[in-house]
């Protein structure tokens, strides 16, 4: 009887370990797309000062980065049952928009647009919440390096980026041998922060909502 109980205990333990291993891949690679929302890029007034020190505002400009789309990739390594450390990079194509108003000659307001590339390299921590079947929710936060340049390469600037958000993974396939033995679909929303980069006036830290989705390959 003791041997039977020991055998059953061993089987249950092995099954539990196998299931836990299936649910928590040691390495996850995510490939997908990202949408970044609008963000302010600062306001600047064009001012003319005469010899007497009198200032005349020629026009006012309001700058922003429009909604953009792009691609991103991450690799995450599990360091605790619920904690992963993640390194990722992204590229987003958007437009830098400048709204010109209050022209001193009463010209009609106009908006000028210039293509903009945004590149980021970020390190993040991902914390897995309580899993429900194949649904695997998580929260995520990180920071890194930002580079922005216009499509005509007249403006180039570096800065800092940060992210805070959460999402969910749905495991389509688990515990199968081979490179694609564990596959999941991943979707998340984030609040992105940018400091520096291409900005005008006292732009400060720029905030923008973000949405990302992709395919996860687990090992």
N, C-alpha and C. Protein backbone atom coordinates (compact mmCIF):
# COMPACT_ATOMS: atom_id res chain seq x y z
N UNK A 1 0.84 -1.21 0.00
CA UNK A 1 0.00 0.00 0.00
C UNK A 1 0.87 1.26 0.00
N UNK A 2 1.94 1.21 0.80
CA UNK A 2 2.85 2.36 0.87
C UNK A 2 3.50 2.63 -0.47
N UNK A 3 3.86 1.52 -1.16
CA UNK A 3 4.48 1.69 -2.47
C UNK A 3 3.50 2.29 -3.47
N UNK A 4 2.24 1.87 -3.38
CA UNK A 4 1.21 2.42 -4.28
C UNK A 4 1.03 3.90 -4.04
N UNK A 5 0.95 4.30 -2.75
CA UNK A 5 0.79 5.72 -2.42
C UNK A 5 1.99 6.52 -2.89
N UNK A 6 3.19 5.96 -2.71
CA UNK A 6 4.41 6.65 -3.16
C UNK A 6 4.41 6.83 -4.66
N UNK A 7 4.00 5.77 -5.38
CA UNK A 7 3.95 5.86 -6.84
C UNK A 7 2.95 6.90 -7.29
N UNK A 8 1.77 6.92 -6.66
CA UNK A 8 0.75 7.90 -7.02
C UNK A 8 1.23 9.32 -6.73
N UNK A 9 1.89 9.50 -5.58
CA UNK A 9 2.41 10.82 -5.23
C UNK A 9 3.45 11.28 -6.24
N UNK A 10 4.32 10.35 -6.64
CA UNK A 10 5.35 10.68 -7.64
C UNK A 10 4.72 11.08 -8.96
N UNK A 11 3.67 10.35 -9.37
CA UNK A 11 2.99 10.67 -10.64
C UNK A 11 2.32 12.02 -10.58
N UNK A 12 1.66 12.31 -9.46
CA UNK A 12 0.99 13.60 -9.31
C UNK A 12 2.00 14.74 -9.34
N UNK A 13 3.12 14.53 -8.63
CA UNK A 13 4.16 15.57 -8.58
C UNK A 13 4.74 15.80 -9.97
N UNK A 14 5.03 14.72 -10.68
CA UNK A 14 5.60 14.84 -12.03
C UNK A 14 4.63 15.54 -12.97
N UNK A 15 3.33 15.18 -12.84
CA UNK A 15 2.32 15.81 -13.69
C UNK A 15 2.21 17.30 -13.38
N UNK A 16 2.27 17.64 -12.08
CA UNK A 16 2.19 19.05 -11.69
C UNK A 16 3.36 19.84 -12.21
N UNK A 17 4.57 19.27 -12.07
CA UNK A 17 5.77 19.95 -12.57
C UNK A 17 5.70 20.13 -14.07
N UNK A 18 5.24 19.06 -14.78
CA UNK A 18 5.12 19.16 -16.24
C UNK A 18 4.14 20.23 -16.64
N UNK A 19 2.97 20.29 -15.95
CA UNK A 19 1.96 21.30 -16.27
C UNK A 19 2.47 22.69 -15.99
N UNK A 20 3.17 22.84 -14.84
CA UNK A 20 3.71 24.16 -14.51
C UNK A 20 4.73 24.59 -15.53
N UNK A 21 5.58 23.61 -15.96
CA UNK A 21 6.58 23.93 -16.98
C UNK A 21 5.92 24.34 -18.27
N UNK A 22 4.79 23.67 -18.63
CA UNK A 22 4.08 24.00 -19.87
C UNK A 22 3.50 25.40 -19.80
N UNK A 23 3.11 25.80 -18.59
CA UNK A 23 2.46 27.10 -18.46
C UNK A 23 3.45 28.24 -18.32
N UNK A 24 4.70 27.95 -18.04
CA UNK A 24 5.68 29.01 -17.83
C UNK A 24 6.93 28.75 -18.66
N UNK A 25 6.92 29.08 -19.93
CA UNK A 25 8.11 28.90 -20.77
C UNK A 25 9.29 29.67 -20.18
N UNK A 26 10.47 29.11 -20.32
CA UNK A 26 11.66 29.76 -19.78
C UNK A 26 12.04 30.98 -20.62
N UNK A 27 11.83 30.88 -21.93
CA UNK A 27 12.15 31.98 -22.84
C UNK A 27 10.95 32.22 -23.75
N UNK A 28 10.60 33.50 -23.95
CA UNK A 28 9.52 33.86 -24.85
C UNK A 28 10.02 34.91 -25.84
N UNK A 29 9.77 34.67 -27.12
CA UNK A 29 10.09 35.63 -28.17
C UNK A 29 8.78 36.12 -28.77
N UNK A 30 8.60 37.44 -28.79
CA UNK A 30 7.36 38.03 -29.31
C UNK A 30 7.67 38.88 -30.53
N UNK A 31 6.93 38.65 -31.60
CA UNK A 31 7.03 39.44 -32.83
C UNK A 31 5.66 39.99 -33.15
N UNK A 32 5.57 41.30 -33.40
CA UNK A 32 4.24 41.86 -33.65
C UNK A 32 4.27 43.30 -34.11
N UNK A 33 3.11 43.93 -34.03
CA UNK A 33 2.95 45.31 -34.45
C UNK A 33 2.54 46.19 -33.29
N UNK A 34 2.68 47.49 -33.48
CA UNK A 34 2.37 48.45 -32.43
C UNK A 34 1.72 49.69 -33.04
N UNK A 35 0.76 50.25 -32.31
CA UNK A 35 0.12 51.51 -32.69
C UNK A 35 0.37 52.51 -31.56
N UNK A 36 0.91 53.67 -31.92
CA UNK A 36 1.20 54.71 -30.93
C UNK A 36 0.27 55.88 -31.15
N UNK A 37 -0.36 56.36 -30.08
CA UNK A 37 -1.29 57.46 -30.19
C UNK A 37 -0.62 58.83 -30.30
N UNK A 38 -1.43 59.87 -30.44
CA UNK A 38 -0.91 61.22 -30.59
C UNK A 38 -0.21 61.70 -29.32
N UNK A 39 0.80 62.55 -29.52
CA UNK A 39 1.53 63.13 -28.39
C UNK A 39 1.99 64.53 -28.75
N UNK A 40 1.97 65.42 -27.79
CA UNK A 40 2.43 66.78 -28.01
C UNK A 40 3.94 66.81 -28.24
N UNK A 41 4.39 67.74 -29.07
CA UNK A 41 5.83 67.94 -29.29
C UNK A 41 6.23 69.37 -28.94
N UNK A 42 5.36 70.09 -28.23
CA UNK A 42 5.70 71.43 -27.76
C UNK A 42 5.14 72.55 -28.62
N UNK A 43 5.02 73.74 -28.03
CA UNK A 43 4.51 74.94 -28.71
C UNK A 43 5.61 76.00 -28.77
N UNK A 44 5.67 76.69 -29.90
CA UNK A 44 6.68 77.75 -30.09
C UNK A 44 6.04 78.92 -30.82
N UNK A 45 6.36 80.15 -30.38
CA UNK A 45 5.92 81.37 -31.07
C UNK A 45 7.08 81.97 -31.84
N UNK A 46 6.82 82.38 -33.08
CA UNK A 46 7.83 83.09 -33.87
C UNK A 46 7.71 84.58 -33.53
N UNK A 47 8.74 85.13 -32.92
CA UNK A 47 8.70 86.51 -32.41
C UNK A 47 9.79 87.36 -33.05
N UNK A 48 9.43 88.57 -33.41
CA UNK A 48 10.38 89.53 -33.97
C UNK A 48 10.57 90.66 -32.96
N UNK A 49 11.82 90.93 -32.61
CA UNK A 49 12.15 91.99 -31.65
C UNK A 49 12.87 93.12 -32.37
N UNK A 50 12.33 94.35 -32.27
CA UNK A 50 12.97 95.48 -32.94
C UNK A 50 14.07 96.06 -32.07
N UNK A 51 14.73 97.11 -32.57
CA UNK A 51 15.85 97.72 -31.86
C UNK A 51 15.44 98.34 -30.53
N UNK A 52 14.19 98.65 -30.39
CA UNK A 52 13.71 99.24 -29.15
C UNK A 52 13.30 98.20 -28.12
N UNK A 53 13.44 96.91 -28.45
CA UNK A 53 13.10 95.85 -27.52
C UNK A 53 11.64 95.45 -27.56
N UNK A 54 10.90 95.97 -28.49
CA UNK A 54 9.49 95.62 -28.61
C UNK A 54 9.34 94.30 -29.38
N UNK A 55 8.49 93.43 -28.88
CA UNK A 55 8.32 92.12 -29.50
C UNK A 55 7.03 92.06 -30.30
N UNK A 56 7.12 91.45 -31.46
CA UNK A 56 5.97 91.25 -32.31
C UNK A 56 5.86 89.75 -32.62
N UNK A 57 4.73 89.16 -32.27
CA UNK A 57 4.51 87.74 -32.56
C UNK A 57 4.06 87.59 -34.01
N UNK A 58 4.91 86.97 -34.82
CA UNK A 58 4.60 86.78 -36.23
C UNK A 58 3.56 85.68 -36.43
N UNK A 59 3.72 84.60 -35.70
CA UNK A 59 2.75 83.51 -35.74
C UNK A 59 3.05 82.56 -34.59
N UNK A 60 2.10 81.66 -34.33
CA UNK A 60 2.26 80.66 -33.28
C UNK A 60 2.24 79.26 -33.89
N UNK A 61 3.03 78.39 -33.31
CA UNK A 61 3.04 77.00 -33.80
C UNK A 61 2.74 76.04 -32.65
N UNK A 62 1.94 75.04 -32.96
CA UNK A 62 1.64 73.95 -32.04
C UNK A 62 2.06 72.66 -32.72
N UNK A 63 2.97 71.92 -32.08
CA UNK A 63 3.57 70.74 -32.70
C UNK A 63 3.11 69.47 -31.99
N UNK A 64 2.94 68.42 -32.77
CA UNK A 64 2.58 67.13 -32.18
C UNK A 64 3.02 66.00 -33.10
N UNK A 65 3.16 64.82 -32.51
CA UNK A 65 3.42 63.60 -33.27
C UNK A 65 2.08 62.89 -33.44
N UNK A 66 1.68 62.67 -34.68
CA UNK A 66 0.39 62.04 -34.96
C UNK A 66 0.44 60.54 -34.66
N UNK A 67 -0.73 59.91 -34.74
CA UNK A 67 -0.81 58.46 -34.54
C UNK A 67 0.08 57.74 -35.55
N UNK A 68 0.84 56.78 -35.07
CA UNK A 68 1.76 56.05 -35.94
C UNK A 68 1.63 54.55 -35.76
N UNK A 69 2.14 53.81 -36.72
CA UNK A 69 2.13 52.34 -36.67
C UNK A 69 3.53 51.82 -36.97
N UNK A 70 3.80 50.64 -36.47
CA UNK A 70 5.12 50.07 -36.72
C UNK A 70 5.21 48.63 -36.26
N UNK A 71 6.44 48.20 -35.99
CA UNK A 71 6.71 46.81 -35.60
C UNK A 71 7.58 46.80 -34.36
N UNK A 72 7.50 45.70 -33.62
CA UNK A 72 8.35 45.56 -32.44
C UNK A 72 8.65 44.09 -32.20
N UNK A 73 9.70 43.86 -31.43
CA UNK A 73 10.10 42.49 -31.07
C UNK A 73 10.64 42.51 -29.65
N UNK A 74 10.35 41.45 -28.90
CA UNK A 74 10.86 41.31 -27.54
C UNK A 74 11.34 39.89 -27.30
N UNK A 75 12.32 39.77 -26.43
CA UNK A 75 12.72 38.48 -25.91
C UNK A 75 12.68 38.56 -24.40
N UNK A 76 11.98 37.62 -23.78
CA UNK A 76 11.78 37.62 -22.33
C UNK A 76 12.32 36.32 -21.74
N UNK A 77 12.99 36.45 -20.61
CA UNK A 77 13.55 35.30 -19.90
C UNK A 77 12.93 35.23 -18.51
N UNK A 78 12.40 34.06 -18.16
CA UNK A 78 11.78 33.88 -16.84
C UNK A 78 12.85 33.75 -15.78
N UNK A 79 12.82 34.64 -14.77
CA UNK A 79 13.78 34.58 -13.67
C UNK A 79 13.12 34.14 -12.36
N UNK A 80 11.79 34.17 -12.33
CA UNK A 80 10.99 33.67 -11.21
C UNK A 80 9.73 33.05 -11.82
N UNK A 81 8.99 32.22 -11.06
CA UNK A 81 7.78 31.63 -11.65
C UNK A 81 6.83 32.65 -12.26
N UNK A 82 6.74 33.85 -11.68
CA UNK A 82 5.83 34.86 -12.20
C UNK A 82 6.54 36.07 -12.81
N UNK A 83 7.86 36.12 -12.76
CA UNK A 83 8.60 37.31 -13.17
C UNK A 83 9.50 37.03 -14.35
N UNK A 84 9.41 37.89 -15.38
CA UNK A 84 10.26 37.78 -16.55
C UNK A 84 10.97 39.10 -16.78
N UNK A 85 12.21 39.03 -17.23
CA UNK A 85 12.94 40.22 -17.64
C UNK A 85 12.94 40.25 -19.16
N UNK A 86 12.68 41.41 -19.72
CA UNK A 86 12.40 41.51 -21.15
C UNK A 86 13.26 42.59 -21.80
N UNK A 87 13.78 42.29 -22.98
CA UNK A 87 14.51 43.26 -23.80
C UNK A 87 13.80 43.36 -25.13
N UNK A 88 13.49 44.59 -25.55
CA UNK A 88 12.73 44.75 -26.79
C UNK A 88 13.13 45.99 -27.56
N UNK A 89 12.75 46.00 -28.81
CA UNK A 89 12.99 47.14 -29.68
C UNK A 89 11.79 47.39 -30.56
N UNK A 90 11.59 48.65 -30.96
CA UNK A 90 10.44 48.97 -31.80
C UNK A 90 10.81 50.04 -32.83
N UNK A 91 10.04 50.06 -33.89
CA UNK A 91 10.12 51.11 -34.91
C UNK A 91 8.69 51.55 -35.22
N UNK A 92 8.47 52.85 -35.19
CA UNK A 92 7.15 53.42 -35.49
C UNK A 92 7.31 54.52 -36.53
N UNK A 93 6.44 54.50 -37.54
CA UNK A 93 6.40 55.55 -38.57
C UNK A 93 5.18 56.42 -38.30
N UNK A 94 5.41 57.71 -38.14
CA UNK A 94 4.33 58.66 -37.86
C UNK A 94 4.59 59.95 -38.62
N UNK A 95 3.79 60.96 -38.37
CA UNK A 95 3.98 62.28 -38.94
C UNK A 95 4.21 63.30 -37.83
N UNK A 96 5.16 64.18 -38.05
CA UNK A 96 5.35 65.33 -37.18
C UNK A 96 4.51 66.46 -37.76
N UNK A 97 3.51 66.91 -37.01
CA UNK A 97 2.58 67.92 -37.51
C UNK A 97 2.79 69.26 -36.81
N UNK A 98 2.85 70.32 -37.59
CA UNK A 98 3.00 71.67 -37.05
C UNK A 98 1.80 72.51 -37.49
N UNK A 99 1.02 72.98 -36.51
CA UNK A 99 -0.15 73.81 -36.76
C UNK A 99 0.24 75.27 -36.59
N UNK A 100 0.12 76.06 -37.65
CA UNK A 100 0.50 77.47 -37.63
C UNK A 100 -0.77 78.32 -37.53
N UNK A 101 -0.84 79.15 -36.50
CA UNK A 101 -2.01 80.01 -36.26
C UNK A 101 -1.56 81.42 -35.87
N UNK A 102 -2.54 82.31 -35.75
CA UNK A 102 -2.32 83.70 -35.27
C UNK A 102 -1.28 84.44 -36.09
N UNK A 103 -1.35 84.28 -37.41
CA UNK A 103 -0.43 85.00 -38.28
C UNK A 103 -0.72 86.51 -38.21
N UNK A 104 0.34 87.32 -38.07
CA UNK A 104 0.12 88.76 -37.89
C UNK A 104 -0.41 89.43 -39.15
N UNK A 105 -0.33 88.75 -40.29
CA UNK A 105 -0.90 89.27 -41.53
C UNK A 105 -2.27 88.64 -41.81
N UNK A 106 -2.82 87.97 -40.81
CA UNK A 106 -4.14 87.35 -40.91
C UNK A 106 -4.23 86.24 -41.96
N UNK A 107 -3.14 85.55 -42.18
CA UNK A 107 -3.18 84.39 -43.08
C UNK A 107 -3.97 83.27 -42.42
N UNK A 108 -4.61 82.45 -43.24
CA UNK A 108 -5.41 81.35 -42.70
C UNK A 108 -4.52 80.32 -42.00
N UNK A 109 -5.02 79.73 -40.92
CA UNK A 109 -4.24 78.68 -40.25
C UNK A 109 -3.91 77.54 -41.21
N UNK A 110 -2.78 76.89 -40.99
CA UNK A 110 -2.35 75.79 -41.85
C UNK A 110 -1.62 74.75 -41.00
N UNK A 111 -1.57 73.54 -41.54
CA UNK A 111 -0.86 72.45 -40.86
C UNK A 111 0.17 71.86 -41.82
N UNK A 112 1.42 71.83 -41.39
CA UNK A 112 2.50 71.22 -42.16
C UNK A 112 2.84 69.86 -41.57
N UNK A 113 3.13 68.90 -42.44
CA UNK A 113 3.42 67.54 -41.98
C UNK A 113 4.75 67.06 -42.54
N UNK A 114 5.47 66.33 -41.70
CA UNK A 114 6.75 65.76 -42.10
C UNK A 114 6.85 64.37 -41.50
N UNK A 115 7.25 63.41 -42.32
CA UNK A 115 7.36 62.04 -41.85
C UNK A 115 8.39 61.90 -40.73
N UNK A 116 8.12 61.01 -39.80
CA UNK A 116 8.97 60.83 -38.62
C UNK A 116 9.16 59.35 -38.32
N UNK A 117 10.40 58.96 -38.04
CA UNK A 117 10.71 57.60 -37.59
C UNK A 117 11.06 57.65 -36.11
N UNK A 118 10.50 56.72 -35.35
CA UNK A 118 10.81 56.59 -33.93
C UNK A 118 11.37 55.19 -33.67
N UNK A 119 12.53 55.14 -33.04
CA UNK A 119 13.16 53.86 -32.69
C UNK A 119 13.36 53.81 -31.17
N UNK A 120 13.07 52.66 -30.56
CA UNK A 120 13.31 52.50 -29.14
C UNK A 120 13.99 51.16 -28.87
N UNK A 121 14.81 51.15 -27.84
CA UNK A 121 15.36 49.93 -27.27
C UNK A 121 15.11 50.02 -25.78
N UNK A 122 14.33 49.06 -25.22
CA UNK A 122 13.90 49.15 -23.84
C UNK A 122 14.11 47.84 -23.09
N UNK A 123 14.38 47.97 -21.81
CA UNK A 123 14.38 46.83 -20.91
C UNK A 123 13.16 46.92 -20.01
N UNK A 124 12.48 45.81 -19.79
CA UNK A 124 11.23 45.82 -19.01
C UNK A 124 11.17 44.63 -18.07
N UNK A 125 10.30 44.76 -17.06
CA UNK A 125 9.95 43.65 -16.20
C UNK A 125 8.50 43.29 -16.46
N UNK A 126 8.25 42.01 -16.62
CA UNK A 126 6.89 41.52 -16.87
C UNK A 126 6.49 40.61 -15.70
N UNK A 127 5.37 40.91 -15.07
CA UNK A 127 4.87 40.12 -13.94
C UNK A 127 3.58 39.42 -14.34
N UNK A 128 3.58 38.10 -14.24
CA UNK A 128 2.43 37.31 -14.62
C UNK A 128 1.43 37.25 -13.48
N UNK A 129 0.17 37.53 -13.79
CA UNK A 129 -0.90 37.45 -12.80
C UNK A 129 -1.46 36.03 -12.77
N UNK A 130 -2.52 35.82 -12.05
CA UNK A 130 -3.10 34.47 -11.93
C UNK A 130 -3.65 34.01 -13.28
N UNK A 131 -3.19 32.86 -13.71
CA UNK A 131 -3.60 32.33 -15.01
C UNK A 131 -4.96 31.65 -14.90
N UNK A 132 -5.75 31.76 -15.97
CA UNK A 132 -7.06 31.12 -16.07
C UNK A 132 -7.09 30.28 -17.35
N UNK A 133 -6.84 28.98 -17.19
CA UNK A 133 -6.80 28.13 -18.36
C UNK A 133 -5.69 28.54 -19.31
N UNK A 134 -6.06 28.83 -20.54
CA UNK A 134 -5.08 29.27 -21.53
C UNK A 134 -4.82 30.78 -21.48
N UNK A 135 -5.63 31.50 -20.70
CA UNK A 135 -5.48 32.96 -20.60
C UNK A 135 -4.44 33.30 -19.55
N UNK A 136 -3.44 34.08 -19.95
CA UNK A 136 -2.28 34.37 -19.10
C UNK A 136 -2.07 35.89 -19.00
N UNK A 137 -2.73 36.58 -18.05
CA UNK A 137 -2.61 38.04 -17.95
C UNK A 137 -1.29 38.46 -17.30
N UNK A 138 -0.87 39.69 -17.58
CA UNK A 138 0.38 40.20 -17.03
C UNK A 138 0.36 41.72 -16.97
N UNK A 139 1.27 42.27 -16.17
CA UNK A 139 1.54 43.70 -16.15
C UNK A 139 3.01 43.89 -16.51
N UNK A 140 3.33 45.10 -16.98
CA UNK A 140 4.67 45.31 -17.55
C UNK A 140 5.10 46.76 -17.38
N UNK A 141 6.40 46.97 -17.10
CA UNK A 141 6.94 48.32 -16.98
C UNK A 141 8.41 48.30 -17.38
N UNK A 142 8.86 49.39 -18.00
CA UNK A 142 10.25 49.44 -18.42
C UNK A 142 10.66 50.80 -18.90
N UNK A 143 11.91 50.91 -19.33
CA UNK A 143 12.46 52.18 -19.82
C UNK A 143 13.64 51.88 -20.73
N UNK A 144 14.03 52.91 -21.52
CA UNK A 144 15.15 52.69 -22.42
C UNK A 144 15.51 53.92 -23.22
N UNK A 145 16.04 53.67 -24.41
CA UNK A 145 16.62 54.69 -25.29
C UNK A 145 15.68 54.99 -26.45
N UNK A 146 15.61 56.25 -26.83
CA UNK A 146 14.75 56.71 -27.93
C UNK A 146 15.59 57.46 -28.96
N UNK A 147 15.29 57.22 -30.23
CA UNK A 147 15.89 58.01 -31.31
C UNK A 147 14.79 58.38 -32.29
N UNK A 148 14.72 59.65 -32.63
CA UNK A 148 13.74 60.15 -33.60
C UNK A 148 14.46 60.88 -34.72
N UNK A 149 14.00 60.66 -35.95
CA UNK A 149 14.53 61.40 -37.09
C UNK A 149 13.46 61.56 -38.14
N UNK A 150 13.46 62.71 -38.77
CA UNK A 150 12.48 62.97 -39.82
C UNK A 150 12.90 62.24 -41.10
N UNK A 151 11.94 62.01 -41.96
CA UNK A 151 12.22 61.23 -43.17
C UNK A 151 13.21 61.92 -44.10
N UNK A 152 13.29 63.25 -44.03
CA UNK A 152 14.28 63.95 -44.85
C UNK A 152 15.61 64.12 -44.13
N UNK A 153 15.70 63.59 -42.90
CA UNK A 153 16.91 63.58 -42.07
C UNK A 153 17.41 64.98 -41.70
N UNK A 154 16.54 65.97 -41.73
CA UNK A 154 16.94 67.31 -41.31
C UNK A 154 16.91 67.46 -39.79
N UNK A 155 16.08 66.66 -39.12
CA UNK A 155 16.00 66.70 -37.66
C UNK A 155 16.28 65.31 -37.11
N UNK A 156 17.23 65.24 -36.19
CA UNK A 156 17.59 63.98 -35.54
C UNK A 156 17.85 64.28 -34.07
N UNK A 157 17.29 63.48 -33.18
CA UNK A 157 17.52 63.71 -31.75
C UNK A 157 17.31 62.41 -30.98
N UNK A 158 18.07 62.26 -29.88
CA UNK A 158 17.94 61.12 -28.99
C UNK A 158 17.21 61.53 -27.71
N UNK A 159 16.70 60.55 -27.01
CA UNK A 159 16.00 60.83 -25.76
C UNK A 159 15.80 59.57 -24.96
N UNK A 160 14.88 59.64 -24.02
CA UNK A 160 14.55 58.51 -23.16
C UNK A 160 13.10 58.10 -23.38
N UNK A 161 12.82 56.82 -23.21
CA UNK A 161 11.46 56.32 -23.35
C UNK A 161 11.13 55.45 -22.13
N UNK A 162 9.84 55.32 -21.85
CA UNK A 162 9.37 54.47 -20.76
C UNK A 162 8.00 53.92 -21.12
N UNK A 163 7.63 52.82 -20.47
CA UNK A 163 6.32 52.22 -20.74
C UNK A 163 5.74 51.64 -19.46
N UNK A 164 4.43 51.66 -19.37
CA UNK A 164 3.71 51.08 -18.25
C UNK A 164 2.37 50.57 -18.76
N UNK A 165 2.06 49.32 -18.51
CA UNK A 165 0.79 48.80 -19.01
C UNK A 165 0.59 47.35 -18.62
N UNK A 166 -0.30 46.72 -19.35
CA UNK A 166 -0.62 45.33 -19.08
C UNK A 166 -1.33 44.71 -20.26
N UNK A 167 -1.45 43.41 -20.22
CA UNK A 167 -2.10 42.72 -21.33
C UNK A 167 -2.38 41.28 -20.99
N UNK A 168 -2.54 40.49 -22.04
CA UNK A 168 -2.89 39.08 -21.84
C UNK A 168 -2.31 38.26 -22.98
N UNK A 169 -1.92 37.04 -22.64
CA UNK A 169 -1.48 36.07 -23.64
C UNK A 169 -2.46 34.90 -23.65
N UNK A 170 -2.77 34.44 -24.83
CA UNK A 170 -3.64 33.27 -24.98
C UNK A 170 -2.82 32.16 -25.62
N UNK A 171 -2.56 31.09 -24.86
CA UNK A 171 -1.70 30.02 -25.33
C UNK A 171 -2.47 29.08 -26.26
N UNK A 172 -2.13 29.16 -27.52
CA UNK A 172 -2.79 28.35 -28.54
C UNK A 172 -2.25 26.93 -28.53
N UNK A 173 -0.96 26.79 -28.27
CA UNK A 173 -0.32 25.47 -28.29
C UNK A 173 0.69 25.41 -27.15
N UNK A 174 0.75 24.27 -26.46
CA UNK A 174 1.67 24.10 -25.35
C UNK A 174 2.23 22.69 -25.30
N UNK A 175 3.44 22.55 -24.73
CA UNK A 175 4.05 21.25 -24.42
C UNK A 175 4.23 20.36 -25.64
N UNK A 176 4.54 20.97 -26.78
CA UNK A 176 4.88 20.15 -27.94
C UNK A 176 6.36 20.34 -28.26
N UNK A 177 7.03 19.30 -28.73
CA UNK A 177 8.46 19.43 -29.03
C UNK A 177 8.69 20.32 -30.25
N UNK A 178 9.90 20.83 -30.34
CA UNK A 178 10.25 21.64 -31.49
C UNK A 178 10.23 23.13 -31.19
N UNK A 179 10.70 23.91 -32.17
CA UNK A 179 10.83 25.36 -32.00
C UNK A 179 9.49 26.04 -31.75
N UNK A 180 8.44 25.58 -32.42
CA UNK A 180 7.12 26.20 -32.28
C UNK A 180 6.19 25.36 -31.41
N UNK A 181 6.77 24.70 -30.40
CA UNK A 181 5.97 23.85 -29.52
C UNK A 181 5.03 24.61 -28.62
N UNK A 182 5.38 25.86 -28.30
CA UNK A 182 4.53 26.70 -27.45
C UNK A 182 4.27 28.01 -28.18
N UNK A 183 3.01 28.24 -28.51
CA UNK A 183 2.63 29.44 -29.25
C UNK A 183 1.49 30.14 -28.52
N UNK A 184 1.56 31.46 -28.49
CA UNK A 184 0.50 32.25 -27.87
C UNK A 184 0.26 33.51 -28.67
N UNK A 185 -0.93 34.06 -28.53
CA UNK A 185 -1.25 35.38 -29.07
C UNK A 185 -1.18 36.37 -27.91
N UNK A 186 -0.57 37.51 -28.14
CA UNK A 186 -0.36 38.49 -27.08
C UNK A 186 -0.94 39.84 -27.49
N UNK A 187 -1.65 40.47 -26.57
CA UNK A 187 -2.20 41.81 -26.80
C UNK A 187 -2.03 42.62 -25.51
N UNK A 188 -1.69 43.90 -25.66
CA UNK A 188 -1.50 44.72 -24.47
C UNK A 188 -1.72 46.20 -24.78
N UNK A 189 -2.06 46.93 -23.74
CA UNK A 189 -2.17 48.38 -23.83
C UNK A 189 -1.14 48.98 -22.89
N UNK A 190 -0.58 50.13 -23.28
CA UNK A 190 0.46 50.76 -22.49
C UNK A 190 0.27 52.27 -22.50
N UNK A 191 0.88 52.90 -21.52
CA UNK A 191 1.07 54.35 -21.54
C UNK A 191 2.55 54.57 -21.81
N UNK A 192 2.84 55.15 -22.98
CA UNK A 192 4.23 55.41 -23.34
C UNK A 192 4.64 56.82 -22.96
N UNK A 193 5.85 56.98 -22.50
CA UNK A 193 6.39 58.29 -22.13
C UNK A 193 7.67 58.53 -22.91
N UNK A 194 7.82 59.75 -23.42
CA UNK A 194 9.01 60.13 -24.17
C UNK A 194 9.56 61.43 -23.60
N UNK A 195 10.86 61.46 -23.36
CA UNK A 195 11.51 62.69 -22.89
C UNK A 195 12.71 62.94 -23.79
N UNK A 196 12.77 64.13 -24.36
CA UNK A 196 13.81 64.40 -25.34
C UNK A 196 13.31 64.06 -26.73
N UNK A 197 14.21 63.63 -27.59
CA UNK A 197 13.83 63.40 -28.97
C UNK A 197 13.57 64.72 -29.67
N UNK A 198 12.81 64.68 -30.75
CA UNK A 198 12.49 65.90 -31.49
C UNK A 198 11.32 66.60 -30.80
N UNK A 199 11.59 67.75 -30.21
CA UNK A 199 10.57 68.50 -29.49
C UNK A 199 10.89 69.98 -29.60
N UNK A 200 9.89 70.80 -29.34
CA UNK A 200 10.03 72.25 -29.50
C UNK A 200 9.56 72.96 -28.24
N UNK A 201 10.25 74.04 -27.90
CA UNK A 201 9.85 74.79 -26.72
C UNK A 201 10.04 73.95 -25.47
N UNK A 202 9.19 74.17 -24.50
CA UNK A 202 9.23 73.43 -23.25
C UNK A 202 8.27 72.24 -23.34
N UNK A 203 8.64 71.26 -24.16
CA UNK A 203 7.74 70.13 -24.40
C UNK A 203 7.65 69.20 -23.18
N UNK A 204 8.72 69.12 -22.40
CA UNK A 204 8.71 68.24 -21.24
C UNK A 204 8.57 66.78 -21.63
N UNK A 205 7.96 66.01 -20.76
CA UNK A 205 7.71 64.59 -21.02
C UNK A 205 6.41 64.43 -21.78
N UNK A 206 6.46 63.70 -22.87
CA UNK A 206 5.29 63.49 -23.71
C UNK A 206 4.68 62.13 -23.43
N UNK A 207 3.36 62.09 -23.27
CA UNK A 207 2.65 60.85 -22.99
C UNK A 207 1.77 60.47 -24.18
N UNK A 208 1.69 59.18 -24.45
CA UNK A 208 0.84 58.70 -25.55
C UNK A 208 0.35 57.30 -25.24
N UNK A 209 -0.92 57.01 -25.52
CA UNK A 209 -1.41 55.64 -25.38
C UNK A 209 -0.84 54.76 -26.49
N UNK A 210 -0.66 53.48 -26.19
CA UNK A 210 -0.11 52.55 -27.16
C UNK A 210 -0.86 51.22 -27.09
N UNK A 211 -0.93 50.56 -28.23
CA UNK A 211 -1.52 49.22 -28.30
C UNK A 211 -0.58 48.33 -29.10
N UNK A 212 -0.33 47.13 -28.60
CA UNK A 212 0.56 46.20 -29.29
C UNK A 212 -0.07 44.82 -29.31
N UNK A 213 0.22 44.08 -30.36
CA UNK A 213 -0.26 42.71 -30.49
C UNK A 213 0.76 41.90 -31.28
N UNK A 214 0.87 40.63 -30.95
CA UNK A 214 1.85 39.82 -31.67
C UNK A 214 1.73 38.35 -31.36
N UNK A 215 2.69 37.59 -31.90
CA UNK A 215 2.77 36.15 -31.73
C UNK A 215 3.93 35.83 -30.78
N UNK A 216 3.67 35.00 -29.78
CA UNK A 216 4.69 34.59 -28.82
C UNK A 216 5.14 33.18 -29.12
N UNK A 217 6.46 33.00 -29.19
CA UNK A 217 7.05 31.67 -29.34
C UNK A 217 7.77 31.35 -28.03
N UNK A 218 7.31 30.31 -27.34
CA UNK A 218 7.88 29.97 -26.04
C UNK A 218 8.75 28.74 -26.09
N UNK A 219 9.77 28.73 -25.22
CA UNK A 219 10.68 27.58 -25.13
C UNK A 219 10.86 27.19 -23.68
